Amino acid sequence: MSGHHISTDKTLLSVAGALFVLTIITVLVHYLALPHPWSILVAMAVAVMKATLVAMFFMHLYWDKKFNSMLLIASFVFLALLVGFTMLDTMFRELPVPSF
């Protein structure tokens, strides 16, 4: 850690307000009944924004060394690769021959 940082109440309340607004947007997207791929894309975009806010301000990555942020991003990239390769394997696998 690059030093001890104490967040101000104003910062924490601002982030909490932003998270609350983003949660309301997620609920509104559900009730708007957007076409299938768009509703998921909007919900995932809002979820990524919320996770970014939590990681930056509540996990103190905003004030920490940039190396820690890089490690977090790299871990998500490797997770995406792992899930992607697993999906490639399971989606294009031949169906097993049913037995008895």
Foldseek 3Di string as FASTA:
>chain_A
DPDDDDDDPVLVVVLVVLLVVLVVVLVVLVVVCDPPVVNVVSNVVSVVVNVVSCCVPVVVCVVDDVVVVVVVVVVVVVVVVVVVVVCVPVVPDDDDDDDD
